[in-house]
Amino acid sequence: MKIGIVGGGPAGLFFAYLMKRADASHQVRLFERDSENTTYGWGLVFSDVAMAFVRDVAPELHQAITHSQMVHRDMAVVHRDTPVRLANNTFHRIARIDLLRTLHRYCSNVGVELYFECRIDGMGDISNCDLVVAADGAHSATRAGLAEHFEPTLDVRPNWLAWYATTQLFGPLSLIFRKTTNGLFIAHAYQFSETLSTFLVECDPTTFRTAGLERMSESQSLRCCEQVFEHDLGGRKLISNASRWFHYTIVRNRHWHWQNVVLLGDALRTGHPSVGSGTRMAMQDSIVLFEAWQRCGEDVPRLLADFERSRRPGSDKLQHAALRSTEWYESLEPKLALDPVSFAYDYMLRCGRVDHAEVRRRDPELAAAYEGLHPELAIGGGAP
């Protein structure tokens, strides 16, 4: 098969590797608009489940990824200056650039043709391909050019986010809630290398305006966030990588493929940083599309129909959970009066997939602390 892939993120690279590794006779070309060493954002987080998917289909790549990753098993929710530990939450963390470089190396080793600083405008450059994979991100130009066929829905969420890093090392994945005179600021922080942590800052539209962030330059915004989280940063600075404020967009598509073109990763559907599922979903897409090829061969219409039939239920389920999490962060004001334990407990239930019995199983210490505040649960064992 002649396969053209637009976009050099984890979805496109992983699919390219799987296909070329499986059959060297495939011509697999991947086009990325940025340079080889360009990336936005900082660290990535994987759950145990996500790493298991990679291990099962590509154990050699799993070994290479885990060689450069960090593993931490706890979270901390910091509310009213009080950290509440959430146990048994295993996260694998890796620098995004390290993951991309690993994928570049493995793709090159099996013969994938990688073209960097190469923008695909329209379908002309890849019109002779048997299969075209649009893995060019949430703002996919391929999807936009074929919008009448994919029928995307772009749900721009109200909260503002800015993606920083810091040399302050956050071992537990930490969610920090800071109420200021200007409103509520939230930090999503986790260590992803020996020297750096991701530090994603979020605030609602009212806080954004009241703090004057809409009028600030990038450097002024950075200093403002350093002041808000001065205690948490321990006097360390924030580091910018084109860290401008943005709204997160929930992407959906009524149709996943058209003719020989299929969407993958964030071009197909987005999750949300608050559930850390974007890269997981992207790489699962790659696996399911590869497995569809294994079943259907070069019958592209059948292959793409099989991919959507196999992948859509799990994808929709994860995206629904991500949306519930997003909405929780967007409606926090009434919850700020909660004590730290109750606030952390409410966080655990935010996606609708966890009840009190599950909290007891996952984190007996948190369940016991919450039952101490709500003794009727300890007696009846029911949900609040």
Protein backbone atom coordinates (compact mmCIF):
# COMPACT_ATOMS: atom_id res chain seq x y z
CA MET A 1 0.00 0.00 0.00
CA LYS A 2 0.95 3.62 -0.52
CA ILE A 3 0.20 5.39 2.75
CA GLY A 4 0.41 9.14 3.27
CA ILE A 5 0.26 10.49 6.81
CA VAL A 6 -0.27 14.18 7.57
CA GLY A 7 1.01 15.15 11.02
CA GLY A 8 4.01 14.00 13.04
CA GLY A 9 2.49 13.60 16.49
CA PRO A 10 2.21 10.28 18.38
CA ALA A 11 -0.85 9.10 16.38
CA GLY A 12 0.71 9.47 12.94
CA LEU A 13 4.17 8.25 13.94
CA PHE A 14 2.92 5.19 15.81
CA PHE A 15 0.66 4.11 12.95
CA ALA A 16 3.47 4.67 10.45
CA TYR A 17 5.79 2.47 12.51
CA LEU A 18 3.25 -0.33 12.97
CA MET A 19 2.42 -0.52 9.26
CA LYS A 20 6.00 -0.41 7.97
CA ARG A 21 7.20 -2.87 10.61
CA ALA A 22 4.44 -5.29 9.61
CA ASP A 23 5.14 -5.15 5.86
CA ALA A 24 8.30 -3.57 4.46
CA SER A 25 6.71 -3.38 1.01
CA HIS A 26 4.38 -0.61 2.18
CA GLN A 27 5.42 2.87 1.08
CA VAL A 28 4.79 4.96 4.18
CA ARG A 29 5.44 8.69 3.98
CA LEU A 30 4.80 11.08 6.87
CA PHE A 31 4.65 14.87 6.46
CA GLU A 32 5.13 17.19 9.45
CA ARG A 33 4.89 20.97 9.09
CA ASP A 34 7.33 21.72 11.96
CA SER A 35 11.00 20.90 12.26
CA GLU A 36 12.20 17.60 13.67
CA ASN A 37 13.03 19.04 17.09
CA THR A 38 9.99 21.29 17.53
CA THR A 39 7.30 20.48 20.06
CA TYR A 40 4.73 22.41 22.05
CA GLY A 41 3.86 21.67 25.62
CA TRP A 42 6.19 19.79 27.92
CA GLY A 43 5.53 16.43 29.54
CA LEU A 44 3.06 13.66 28.78
CA VAL A 45 1.24 11.38 31.20
CA PHE A 46 0.24 7.77 30.52
CA SER A 47 -1.78 5.45 32.71
CA ASP A 48 -0.89 1.79 33.23
CA VAL A 49 -3.69 0.89 30.81
CA ALA A 50 -2.23 3.07 28.07
CA MET A 51 1.24 1.58 28.48
CA ALA A 52 -0.23 -1.93 28.36
CA PHE A 53 -1.76 -1.21 24.94
CA VAL A 54 1.65 -0.19 23.59
CA ARG A 55 3.40 -3.17 25.19
CA ASP A 56 0.96 -5.66 23.68
CA VAL A 57 1.34 -4.47 20.09
CA ALA A 58 4.95 -3.21 20.09
CA PRO A 59 6.96 -4.55 23.05
CA GLU A 60 10.23 -3.26 21.59
CA LEU A 61 8.86 0.29 21.42
CA HIS A 62 7.31 -0.04 24.87
CA GLN A 63 10.73 -0.96 26.25
CA ALA A 64 12.34 2.07 24.60
CA ILE A 65 9.66 4.42 25.94
CA THR A 66 9.77 3.06 29.48
CA HIS A 67 13.55 3.37 29.50
CA SER A 68 13.27 7.17 29.50
CA GLN A 69 10.08 7.63 31.53
CA MET A 70 9.37 8.26 35.19
CA VAL A 71 6.73 6.41 37.22
CA HIS A 72 4.87 7.88 40.18
CA ARG A 73 2.02 6.24 42.03
CA ASP A 74 0.27 9.06 43.86
CA MET A 75 -1.69 12.24 43.29
CA ALA A 76 -2.24 15.22 45.55
CA VAL A 77 -5.17 17.63 45.54
CA VAL A 78 -4.18 20.91 47.21
CA HIS A 79 -7.16 22.94 48.45
CA ARG A 80 -6.99 25.64 51.15
CA ASP A 81 -3.22 25.02 51.37
CA THR A 82 -3.89 21.42 52.45
CA PRO A 83 -2.65 18.55 50.26
CA VAL A 84 -4.84 15.46 50.23
CA ARG A 85 -3.04 12.38 48.94
CA LEU A 86 -4.84 10.13 46.46
CA ALA A 87 -3.21 6.71 46.51
CA ASN A 88 -2.86 4.03 43.82
CA ASN A 89 -2.86 6.38 40.84
CA THR A 90 0.07 5.15 38.75
CA PHE A 91 1.26 7.55 36.06
CA HIS A 92 4.05 7.13 33.56
CA ARG A 93 5.56 10.51 32.65
CA ILE A 94 7.83 11.35 29.74
CA ALA A 95 8.98 14.50 27.97
CA ARG A 96 6.95 14.93 24.80
CA ILE A 97 10.09 15.59 22.78
CA ASP A 98 11.63 12.34 24.08
CA LEU A 99 8.59 10.34 22.98
CA LEU A 100 8.66 11.96 19.54
CA ARG A 101 12.38 11.34 19.11
CA THR A 102 11.93 7.70 20.06
CA LEU A 103 9.14 7.34 17.51
CA HIS A 104 11.26 9.14 14.88
CA ARG A 105 14.09 6.68 15.44
CA TYR A 106 11.92 3.59 15.27
CA CYS A 107 10.11 4.85 12.17
CA SER A 108 13.41 5.59 10.41
CA ASN A 109 14.81 2.19 11.36
CA VAL A 110 11.99 0.35 9.57
CA GLY A 111 12.04 2.63 6.52
CA VAL A 112 9.26 5.15 7.08
CA GLU A 113 9.95 8.28 5.01
CA LEU A 114 9.79 11.29 7.36
CA TYR A 115 9.47 14.77 5.84
CA PHE A 116 9.79 17.67 8.29
CA GLU A 117 9.01 21.33 7.62
CA CYS A 118 6.67 20.07 4.93
CA ARG A 119 3.17 21.54 4.88
CA ILE A 120 0.49 19.66 2.96
CA ASP A 121 -1.91 22.13 1.32
CA GLY A 122 -4.93 20.30 0.01
CA MET A 123 -4.68 16.71 -1.16
CA GLY A 124 -2.44 17.24 -4.19
CA ASP A 125 0.79 15.98 -2.62
CA ILE A 126 -0.83 12.74 -1.41
CA SER A 127 -3.55 12.20 -4.00
CA ASN A 128 -1.87 9.05 -5.33
CA CYS A 129 -1.97 7.28 -1.95
CA ASP A 130 -4.13 4.25 -1.28
CA LEU A 131 -4.70 5.43 2.29
CA VAL A 132 -4.41 8.95 3.69
CA VAL A 133 -4.22 9.39 7.47
CA ALA A 134 -5.01 12.89 8.75
CA ALA A 135 -3.27 13.05 12.12
CA ASP A 136 -2.60 16.79 12.05
CA GLY A 137 -4.01 17.75 15.43
CA ALA A 138 -7.03 19.45 16.93
CA HIS A 139 -6.81 22.29 14.41
CA SER A 140 -6.44 19.85 11.51
CA ALA A 141 -6.14 21.60 8.15
CA THR A 142 -7.03 18.33 6.41
CA ARG A 143 -10.27 18.06 8.36
CA ALA A 144 -11.06 21.72 7.74
CA GLY A 145 -10.54 21.29 4.00
CA LEU A 146 -12.95 18.32 3.97
CA ALA A 147 -15.34 19.65 6.61
CA GLU A 148 -18.42 19.05 4.47
CA HIS A 149 -17.60 15.33 4.51
CA PHE A 150 -16.42 14.88 8.11
CA GLU A 151 -18.98 17.32 9.61
CA PRO A 152 -16.89 18.29 12.64
CA THR A 153 -18.21 19.93 15.80
CA LEU A 154 -15.78 22.24 17.58
CA ASP A 155 -16.86 22.93 21.16
CA VAL A 156 -14.63 25.76 22.43
CA ARG A 157 -14.63 25.61 26.23
CA PRO A 158 -14.70 28.83 28.29
CA ASN A 159 -11.73 28.34 30.61
CA TRP A 160 -8.29 29.71 29.71
CA LEU A 161 -5.10 27.62 29.89
CA ALA A 162 -1.36 28.30 29.61
CA TRP A 163 1.24 25.53 29.40
CA TYR A 164 4.45 26.18 31.35
CA ALA A 165 7.28 24.16 32.86
CA THR A 166 9.29 24.68 36.03
CA THR A 167 12.37 23.34 37.75
CA GLN A 168 10.28 22.81 40.90
CA LEU A 169 9.79 19.03 40.99
CA PHE A 170 6.30 17.71 41.72
CA GLY A 171 6.58 14.01 42.51
CA PRO A 172 2.89 13.35 43.03
CA LEU A 173 0.77 14.56 40.14
CA SER A 174 -0.53 17.68 41.88
CA LEU A 175 -3.74 19.63 41.33
CA ILE A 176 -3.40 22.97 43.08
CA PHE A 177 -6.36 25.31 43.65
CA ARG A 178 -5.52 28.90 44.58
CA LYS A 179 -8.28 31.37 45.44
CA THR A 180 -7.05 34.94 44.97
CA THR A 181 -8.66 38.37 45.09
CA ASN A 182 -8.99 38.10 41.31
CA GLY A 183 -10.59 34.65 41.36
CA LEU A 184 -9.60 30.99 41.22
CA PHE A 185 -6.40 29.75 39.58
CA ILE A 186 -5.71 26.05 39.06
CA ALA A 187 -2.37 24.36 38.39
CA HIS A 188 -1.92 20.86 36.96
CA ALA A 189 1.68 19.97 37.88
CA TYR A 190 3.81 16.86 37.53
CA GLN A 191 7.48 15.99 37.18
CA PHE A 192 8.34 14.48 33.78
CA SER A 193 12.15 14.46 33.78
CA GLU A 194 15.04 14.62 36.21
CA THR A 195 14.98 18.42 36.12
CA LEU A 196 11.54 19.62 34.95
CA SER A 197 7.85 19.54 35.76
CA THR A 198 4.89 20.47 33.63
CA PHE A 199 2.93 23.36 35.14
CA LEU A 200 -0.37 23.92 33.31
CA VAL A 201 -2.32 26.92 34.61
CA GLU A 202 -6.10 27.21 34.20
CA CYS A 203 -8.62 29.90 35.13
CA ASP A 204 -12.20 30.80 34.31
CA PRO A 205 -13.13 33.78 32.06
CA THR A 206 -14.04 36.07 34.97
CA THR A 207 -10.71 35.48 36.72
CA PHE A 208 -8.90 35.97 33.41
CA ARG A 209 -10.49 39.40 32.91
CA THR A 210 -10.31 40.52 36.54
CA ALA A 211 -6.61 39.67 36.76
CA GLY A 212 -6.00 41.68 33.58
CA LEU A 213 -4.47 38.72 31.78
CA GLU A 214 -6.16 39.66 28.50
CA ARG A 215 -4.02 42.81 28.43
CA MET A 216 -0.73 41.17 29.44
CA SER A 217 2.16 40.07 27.27
CA GLU A 218 3.41 36.50 27.43
CA SER A 219 6.16 37.45 29.89
CA GLN A 220 3.77 39.47 32.06
CA SER A 221 1.33 36.56 32.22
CA LEU A 222 4.16 34.25 33.24
CA ARG A 223 5.14 36.57 36.10
CA CYS A 224 1.51 36.83 37.20
CA CYS A 225 1.25 33.04 37.44
CA GLU A 226 4.55 32.88 39.33
CA GLN A 227 3.10 35.26 41.91
CA VAL A 228 -0.16 33.32 42.26
CA PHE A 229 1.68 30.03 42.81
CA GLU A 230 4.75 31.43 44.56
CA HIS A 231 4.29 29.15 47.58
CA ASP A 232 3.83 26.03 45.43
CA LEU A 233 6.79 26.87 43.19
CA GLY A 234 9.06 27.36 46.18
CA GLY A 235 10.49 30.48 44.60
CA ARG A 236 11.32 28.69 41.32
CA LYS A 237 10.52 30.31 38.00
CA LEU A 238 8.12 29.23 35.29
CA ILE A 239 9.51 28.47 31.84
CA SER A 240 7.68 29.38 28.65
CA ASN A 241 7.59 27.54 25.33
CA ALA A 242 5.32 29.81 23.29
CA SER A 243 3.10 29.57 26.39
CA ARG A 244 0.24 31.77 25.31
CA TRP A 245 -3.23 31.53 26.80
CA PHE A 246 -5.67 29.38 24.85
CA HIS A 247 -9.12 27.84 25.05
CA TYR A 248 -9.37 24.07 24.86
CA THR A 249 -11.56 22.78 22.04
CA ILE A 250 -13.52 19.55 22.31
CA VAL A 251 -13.43 18.10 18.78
CA ARG A 252 -15.99 15.61 17.48
CA ASN A 253 -16.67 14.37 13.96
CA ARG A 254 -19.92 12.93 12.67
CA HIS A 255 -17.99 10.96 10.05
CA TRP A 256 -14.56 9.50 10.75
CA HIS A 257 -13.52 8.80 7.17
CA TRP A 258 -14.28 9.84 3.61
CA GLN A 259 -13.19 7.93 0.53
CA ASN A 260 -9.59 6.90 1.40
CA VAL A 261 -9.02 9.58 4.08
CA VAL A 262 -9.33 8.80 7.80
CA LEU A 263 -8.93 11.03 10.85
CA LEU A 264 -6.71 9.97 13.75
CA GLY A 265 -5.80 11.37 17.16
CA ASP A 266 -6.79 14.93 18.03
CA ALA A 267 -7.92 15.55 14.45
CA LEU A 268 -10.60 12.94 15.09
CA ARG A 269 -11.52 13.70 18.68
CA THR A 270 -9.98 15.45 21.66
CA GLY A 271 -10.09 14.61 25.35
CA HIS A 272 -8.94 17.20 27.87
CA PRO A 273 -5.68 17.81 29.81
CA SER A 274 -7.55 17.24 33.08
CA VAL A 275 -7.85 13.52 32.29
CA GLY A 276 -4.51 13.22 30.51
CA SER A 277 -5.99 11.00 27.82
CA GLY A 278 -5.06 12.76 24.57
CA THR A 279 -1.89 10.83 23.76
CA ARG A 280 -3.43 7.61 25.04
CA MET A 281 -6.41 7.98 22.72
CA ALA A 282 -4.17 8.93 19.79
CA MET A 283 -1.97 5.85 20.16
CA GLN A 284 -4.98 3.59 20.69
CA ASP A 285 -6.41 4.96 17.43
CA SER A 286 -3.19 3.91 15.72
CA ILE A 287 -3.39 0.41 17.15
CA VAL A 288 -7.05 -0.09 16.19
CA LEU A 289 -6.48 1.20 12.64
CA PHE A 290 -3.48 -1.13 12.30
CA GLU A 291 -5.53 -4.08 13.58
CA ALA A 292 -8.29 -3.20 11.09
CA TRP A 293 -5.69 -3.45 8.31
CA GLN A 294 -4.63 -6.84 9.67
CA ARG A 295 -8.24 -8.05 9.36
CA CYS A 296 -9.22 -6.32 6.12
CA GLY A 297 -5.99 -6.03 4.16
CA GLU A 298 -5.90 -3.49 1.35
CA ASP A 299 -9.68 -3.21 1.00
CA VAL A 300 -9.62 0.43 2.17
CA PRO A 301 -13.41 1.05 2.42
CA ARG A 302 -13.81 -2.12 4.48
CA LEU A 303 -10.71 -1.29 6.55
CA LEU A 304 -11.97 2.18 7.47
CA ALA A 305 -15.48 0.97 8.28
CA ASP A 306 -13.98 -1.73 10.51
CA PHE A 307 -11.79 0.84 12.25
CA GLU A 308 -14.73 3.09 13.09
CA ARG A 309 -16.96 0.21 14.20
CA SER A 310 -14.24 -1.13 16.49
CA ARG A 311 -12.99 2.18 17.87
CA ARG A 312 -16.00 4.48 18.21
CA PRO A 313 -17.60 2.96 21.37
CA GLY A 314 -14.43 3.19 23.46
CA SER A 315 -13.55 6.57 22.01
CA ASP A 316 -16.98 8.00 22.80
CA LYS A 317 -16.82 6.65 26.34
CA LEU A 318 -13.44 8.25 27.04
CA GLN A 319 -14.49 11.53 25.48
CA HIS A 320 -17.67 11.62 27.57
CA ALA A 321 -15.58 11.16 30.73
CA ALA A 322 -13.23 13.93 29.56
CA LEU A 323 -16.18 16.27 29.02
CA ARG A 324 -17.53 15.56 32.52
CA SER A 325 -14.08 16.36 33.92
CA THR A 326 -13.90 19.56 31.88
CA GLU A 327 -17.28 20.69 33.20
CA TRP A 328 -16.17 20.02 36.78
CA TYR A 329 -13.27 22.45 36.40
CA GLU A 330 -15.57 25.02 34.82
CA SER A 331 -18.05 25.04 37.74
CA LEU A 332 -15.89 24.96 40.85
CA GLU A 333 -17.08 28.08 42.66
CA PRO A 334 -19.82 26.31 44.72
CA LYS A 335 -17.35 23.58 45.71
CA LEU A 336 -14.69 25.88 47.14
CA ALA A 337 -16.45 25.95 50.52
CA LEU A 338 -15.81 22.21 50.93
CA ASP A 339 -13.14 21.02 53.34
CA PRO A 340 -10.00 19.60 51.66
CA VAL A 341 -10.99 15.94 52.07
CA SER A 342 -14.51 16.46 50.70
CA PHE A 343 -13.11 18.54 47.85
CA ALA A 344 -10.65 15.79 46.89
CA TYR A 345 -13.41 13.20 47.18
CA ASP A 346 -15.63 15.26 44.88
CA TYR A 347 -12.77 15.40 42.41
CA MET A 348 -12.60 11.60 42.39
CA LEU A 349 -16.30 11.39 41.43
CA ARG A 350 -16.21 14.13 38.78
CA CYS A 351 -16.40 11.93 35.65
CA GLY A 352 -19.33 9.81 36.82
CA ARG A 353 -17.35 6.57 36.54
CA VAL A 354 -16.42 6.20 40.22
CA ASP A 355 -18.76 5.67 43.18
CA HIS A 356 -18.03 5.35 46.88
CA ALA A 357 -17.43 1.60 46.65
CA GLU A 358 -14.81 2.25 43.97
CA VAL A 359 -13.15 4.95 46.09
CA ARG A 360 -12.96 2.41 48.92
CA ARG A 361 -11.28 -0.08 46.60
CA ARG A 362 -8.84 2.39 45.04
CA ASP A 363 -8.01 4.51 48.05
CA PRO A 364 -9.15 3.13 51.43
CA GLU A 365 -7.48 6.00 53.30
CA LEU A 366 -9.41 8.68 51.42
CA ALA A 367 -12.65 6.70 51.79
CA ALA A 368 -12.10 6.38 55.54
CA ALA A 369 -11.34 10.10 55.90
CA TYR A 370 -14.51 10.98 53.98
CA GLU A 371 -16.59 8.52 56.00
CA GLY A 372 -15.27 10.20 59.13
CA LEU A 373 -16.97 13.37 57.91
CA HIS A 374 -20.05 11.50 56.67
CA PRO A 375 -20.62 8.61 59.13
CA GLU A 376 -23.80 7.50 57.35
CA LEU A 377 -21.58 6.19 54.54
CA ALA A 378 -19.58 4.02 56.88
CA ILE A 379 -22.81 2.48 58.14
CA GLY A 380 -24.73 2.13 54.89
CA GLY A 381 -21.88 1.98 52.42
CA GLY A 382 -23.86 3.91 49.83
CA ALA A 383 -23.01 6.86 47.68
CA PRO A 384 -23.44 10.40 49.04
